[in-house]
Structures are given as structure tokens and as C-alpha cells.
Protein backbone atom coordinates (compact mmCIF):
# COMPACT_ATOMS: atom_id res chain seq x y z
CA UNK A 1 0.00 0.00 0.00
CA UNK A 2 2.84 2.42 0.86
CA UNK A 3 4.52 1.62 -2.47
CA UNK A 4 1.24 2.37 -4.26
CA UNK A 5 0.92 5.78 -2.61
CA UNK A 6 4.54 6.74 -3.30
CA UNK A 7 4.27 5.79 -6.97
CA UNK A 8 1.11 7.74 -7.57
CA UNK A 9 2.12 10.70 -5.47
CA UNK A 10 5.13 11.07 -7.77
CA UNK A 11 2.96 10.61 -10.85
CA UNK A 12 0.48 13.26 -9.79
CA UNK A 13 3.12 15.73 -8.66
CA UNK A 14 4.66 15.45 -12.10
CA UNK A 15 1.35 15.85 -13.93
CA UNK A 16 -0.09 18.57 -11.73
CA UNK A 17 3.04 20.48 -10.83
CA UNK A 18 2.85 19.35 -7.20
CA UNK A 19 0.53 22.15 -6.19
CA UNK A 20 -1.84 21.82 -3.30
CA UNK A 21 -2.61 25.55 -3.17
CA UNK A 22 -6.15 26.82 -3.17
CA UNK A 23 -7.30 27.73 -6.66
CA UNK A 24 -8.37 31.22 -7.64
CA UNK A 25 -11.92 32.35 -7.08
CA UNK A 26 -14.37 31.34 -9.78
CA UNK A 27 -17.44 33.22 -11.00
CA UNK A 28 -20.20 33.36 -8.37
CA UNK A 29 -23.20 33.82 -10.64
CA UNK A 30 -26.31 31.86 -9.72
CA UNK A 31 -27.93 32.27 -13.12
CA UNK A 32 -28.05 29.28 -15.45
CA UNK A 33 -26.04 29.61 -18.70
CA UNK A 34 -27.95 31.29 -21.51
CA UNK A 35 -29.86 28.77 -23.61
CA UNK A 36 -33.20 26.97 -23.35
CA UNK A 37 -32.62 26.59 -19.62
CA UNK A 38 -35.26 28.83 -18.07
CA UNK A 39 -36.98 25.86 -16.41
CA UNK A 40 -33.83 24.68 -14.65
CA UNK A 41 -33.25 25.13 -10.92
CA UNK A 42 -30.77 27.89 -10.02
CA UNK A 43 -27.18 27.09 -10.80
CA UNK A 44 -25.15 26.28 -7.69
CA UNK A 45 -21.91 28.26 -7.79
CA UNK A 46 -19.39 28.26 -4.95
CA UNK A 47 -16.19 30.34 -5.04
CA UNK A 48 -13.41 27.93 -5.95
CA UNK A 49 -11.34 29.38 -3.14
CA UNK A 50 -13.82 27.85 -0.68
CA UNK A 51 -12.52 24.40 -1.66
CA UNK A 52 -9.13 23.11 -0.62
CA UNK A 53 -7.19 21.02 -3.14
CA UNK A 54 -5.06 18.78 -0.94
CA UNK A 55 -4.28 15.21 -2.01
CA UNK A 56 -5.49 12.95 0.79
CA UNK A 57 -5.95 9.30 1.67
CA UNK A 58 -9.35 7.74 2.37
CA UNK A 59 -11.82 8.31 3.79
CA UNK A 60 -12.83 11.49 2.00
CA UNK A 61 -16.16 13.33 2.10
CA UNK A 62 -17.73 16.20 0.19
CA UNK A 63 -20.36 18.83 0.88
CA UNK A 64 -22.15 18.27 -2.45
CA UNK A 65 -23.36 15.10 -4.08
CA UNK A 66 -22.00 14.67 -6.72
CA UNK A 67 -18.90 16.48 -5.52
CA UNK A 68 -17.90 19.83 -6.98
CA UNK A 69 -14.63 20.32 -5.10
CA UNK A 70 -12.54 19.76 -2.00
CA UNK A 71 -9.68 17.57 -0.85
CA UNK A 72 -9.40 14.51 -3.08
CA UNK A 73 -7.23 11.54 -4.01
CA UNK A 74 -3.77 11.81 -5.58
CA UNK A 75 -4.97 10.19 -8.80
CA UNK A 76 -7.76 11.38 -11.06
CA UNK A 77 -10.51 9.46 -12.84
CA UNK A 78 -9.80 9.21 -16.54
CA UNK A 79 -12.39 10.98 -18.64
CA UNK A 80 -14.71 8.97 -20.85
CA UNK A 81 -18.10 7.30 -20.74
CA UNK A 82 -18.63 4.75 -17.96
CA UNK A 83 -21.44 2.34 -17.20
CA UNK A 84 -20.29 1.98 -13.56
CA UNK A 85 -20.01 4.65 -10.86
CA UNK A 86 -16.82 6.69 -10.77
CA UNK A 87 -14.56 6.87 -7.71
CA UNK A 88 -15.77 10.18 -6.30
CA UNK A 89 -12.46 11.16 -4.70
CA UNK A 90 -10.77 10.63 -8.08
CA UNK A 91 -13.57 12.31 -10.06
CA UNK A 92 -13.16 15.41 -7.90
CA UNK A 93 -9.49 15.52 -8.91
CA UNK A 94 -10.65 15.34 -12.54
CA UNK A 95 -12.81 18.42 -11.95
CA UNK A 96 -9.72 20.26 -10.72
CA UNK A 97 -8.25 19.71 -14.18
CA UNK A 98 -11.12 21.65 -15.73
CA UNK A 99 -13.22 18.67 -16.77
CA UNK A 100 -17.01 18.45 -16.73
CA UNK A 101 -18.54 15.55 -14.80
CA UNK A 102 -21.89 14.47 -16.25
CA UNK A 103 -23.70 12.03 -13.99
CA UNK A 104 -26.81 10.18 -15.09
CA UNK A 105 -29.54 8.17 -13.43
CA UNK A 106 -29.25 4.80 -15.15
CA UNK A 107 -32.90 3.99 -14.41
CA UNK A 108 -34.17 7.17 -16.08
CA UNK A 109 -31.79 7.34 -19.04
CA UNK A 110 -32.85 5.55 -22.22
CA UNK A 111 -30.56 3.59 -24.50
CA UNK A 112 -30.67 6.54 -26.90
CA UNK A 113 -29.62 8.88 -24.08
CA UNK A 114 -26.66 6.67 -23.20
CA UNK A 115 -25.62 6.40 -26.85
CA UNK A 116 -25.65 10.18 -27.16
CA UNK A 117 -23.64 10.62 -23.97
CA UNK A 118 -21.09 8.11 -25.20
CA UNK A 119 -20.82 10.00 -28.49
CA UNK A 120 -20.31 13.25 -26.60
CA UNK A 121 -17.48 11.75 -24.56
CA UNK A 122 -15.81 10.46 -27.72
CA UNK A 123 -15.92 13.97 -29.21
CA UNK A 124 -14.71 15.81 -26.10
CA UNK A 125 -11.79 14.48 -24.09
CA UNK A 126 -12.61 16.61 -21.02
CA UNK A 127 -15.93 14.91 -20.20
CA UNK A 128 -16.25 12.37 -17.38
CA UNK A 129 -19.64 10.66 -17.74
CA UNK A 130 -20.83 8.05 -15.24
CA UNK A 131 -23.95 6.79 -13.47
CA UNK A 132 -24.74 8.18 -10.02
CA UNK A 133 -27.38 7.52 -7.39
CA UNK A 134 -29.42 10.71 -7.68
CA UNK A 135 -33.05 11.35 -8.66
CA UNK A 136 -32.21 13.72 -11.52
CA UNK A 137 -31.88 12.27 -14.99
CA UNK A 138 -28.73 14.35 -15.51
CA UNK A 139 -26.57 16.43 -13.17
CA UNK A 140 -23.78 18.62 -14.55
CA UNK A 141 -20.77 19.38 -12.34
CA UNK A 142 -17.59 21.41 -12.68
CA UNK A 143 -15.20 22.62 -9.99
CA UNK A 144 -17.36 24.85 -7.77
CA UNK A 145 -20.39 24.68 -10.06
CA UNK A 146 -23.38 22.36 -10.42
CA UNK A 147 -26.58 22.29 -12.46
CA UNK A 148 -29.36 19.93 -11.45
CA UNK A 149 -32.71 19.21 -13.06
CA UNK A 150 -31.35 18.70 -16.57
CA UNK A 151 -33.60 16.82 -18.97
CA UNK A 152 -32.58 13.75 -20.93
CA UNK A 153 -29.80 14.56 -23.39
CA UNK A 154 -31.91 13.40 -26.33
CA UNK A 155 -34.40 16.19 -25.61
CA UNK A 156 -33.78 19.61 -27.13
CA UNK A 157 -33.75 21.32 -23.73
CA UNK A 158 -31.48 18.70 -22.19
CA UNK A 159 -28.91 18.85 -24.98
CA UNK A 160 -28.99 22.65 -24.95
CA UNK A 161 -28.40 22.75 -21.19
CA UNK A 162 -25.49 20.30 -21.42
CA UNK A 163 -23.87 22.19 -24.30
CA UNK A 164 -24.26 25.53 -22.51
CA UNK A 165 -22.77 24.21 -19.28
CA UNK A 166 -19.76 22.71 -21.08
CA UNK A 167 -19.17 25.95 -22.99
CA UNK A 168 -19.37 28.00 -19.79
CA UNK A 169 -17.31 25.86 -17.41
CA UNK A 170 -14.95 23.46 -19.19
CA UNK A 171 -11.33 24.47 -18.58
CA UNK A 172 -12.45 27.50 -16.61
CA UNK A 173 -9.33 29.73 -16.85
CA UNK A 174 -9.71 30.75 -13.21
CA UNK A 175 -8.78 27.21 -12.13
CA UNK A 176 -5.11 26.69 -11.36
CA UNK A 177 -5.05 23.32 -13.15
CA UNK A 178 -7.37 24.10 -16.06
CA UNK A 179 -6.10 22.37 -19.18
CA UNK A 180 -4.32 19.55 -17.37
CA UNK A 181 -4.93 16.19 -19.02
CA UNK A 182 -7.73 13.88 -17.94
CA UNK A 183 -6.20 10.57 -19.00
CA UNK A 184 -3.22 8.49 -17.94
CA UNK A 185 -4.48 7.81 -14.42
CA UNK A 186 -7.37 5.58 -13.25
CA UNK A 187 -10.13 4.07 -15.35
CA UNK A 188 -10.71 2.13 -18.54
CA UNK A 189 -14.12 2.99 -20.02
CA UNK A 190 -16.78 1.80 -20.13
CA UNK A 191 -16.86 -0.57 -17.16
CA UNK A 192 -13.60 -0.41 -15.19
CA UNK A 193 -13.02 2.63 -13.00
CA UNK A 194 -10.30 1.04 -10.86
CA UNK A 195 -7.55 -0.01 -13.28
CA UNK A 196 -4.32 1.81 -14.09
CA UNK A 197 -2.60 1.40 -17.44
CA UNK A 198 0.15 -0.71 -15.87
CA UNK A 199 -2.30 -3.29 -14.54
CA UNK A 200 -2.44 -2.09 -10.93
CA UNK A 201 -5.82 -1.40 -9.37
CA UNK A 202 -6.98 1.17 -6.86
CA UNK A 203 -7.12 -0.43 -3.39
CA UNK A 204 -10.61 -1.06 -2.07
CA UNK A 205 -10.26 1.51 0.73
CA UNK A 206 -10.35 4.29 -1.88
CA UNK A 207 -13.97 3.45 -2.64
């Protein structure tokens, strides 16, 4: 276990520059991005400086579900489309890199919805898409920002809301690690969130 942590601490320090500083403050608007989104609940927006960015060991907890920031694991969840739940402590690290985390309710999403989400992930390498245990069909999350109540992506309103959120928040330049890659760490889509490229797996205690 100690060897595992040393290896991936070095990997992440190299990829992320070794920074555990608090990121700069992000926009604090509570208005949903402009599009066909008037029926959406208010956008949740928390100053990024409210969230610490330390790399920690389990257990880890977050004040939002899905997470939109806070202390997280040394490794990130590779972007892509998954049919199994992401490791939340790793997904939060992915958000720090400027990615968008799209979570879907597998019971509400149709096959057509899932196909569209998979196509979106193939076209945009900064999207992490995974099922999550929430009542909403779709929840959109970025570091410090979350939009709930999004319709199915195959609907005009749902697709518009997703596109607007991505345009507004992906690689937010106010994030210290915006633009950092979202591959080369943990996860092999679509159904393995625990594997590293070298064959190692995330220990069970990381969730």
C-alpha cells in the first residue's frame, strides 16, 4: 500500500506540478447559462477558493453530491463514458483539471440517451460521464459549479443545457489546473473505474 501511494504521489506531482494551493476564485453567478434553460433550478456556484485542493488518503467526504470540489485523491478518474459509478475522490481531482462531470440516473436514461452521452465523450476528451445515485436524470458538475434538473440529453432542452454548461465551465481559466490532461491515471471505459494502465488497481479503501 505504501509503495502504491509513493508511486502515484510522484505521478500526480509530475502531472499537476505538485501544487496543493487553493485555486483562484471562480465566478459566483447563480444564473443558469444562456440557452433553453429557463426551467432549470438555479445554478449552484461556490467560489473555488472555498474548496481546498489537498491530495489525501481515504476516507474522504464532500459537501455536495455529486462532488464539486474539495480535498481529493492523488490520482484522477480518466475521462470517458462509464457504465459503472466513478470513484468520487478521483472524479473530484478530474474536476480540478477543468473537466465536466456528467452524472446520469441509469434507471431514467434511455438507451438513446446513453448512446448520445457516449458519443459526446468520444468527441470531447474533457468529459467524465458516469452513473450516479441521484433522482435527476442528468446532473452537470464542474469545480465549484453544479446544475441539477437537466432533462434527458436526447431532448432539445437537455442537450442545450449540457452544451451551454460545457461551454461555460470546461477548462475555466480561473482554475489553477485548467487544461491539465484527464487521462493516464485511473479508469478504462466503459466498465472499469479502478484499473491503471500498468495493470495495478486502486485499493478497495479508496472506494
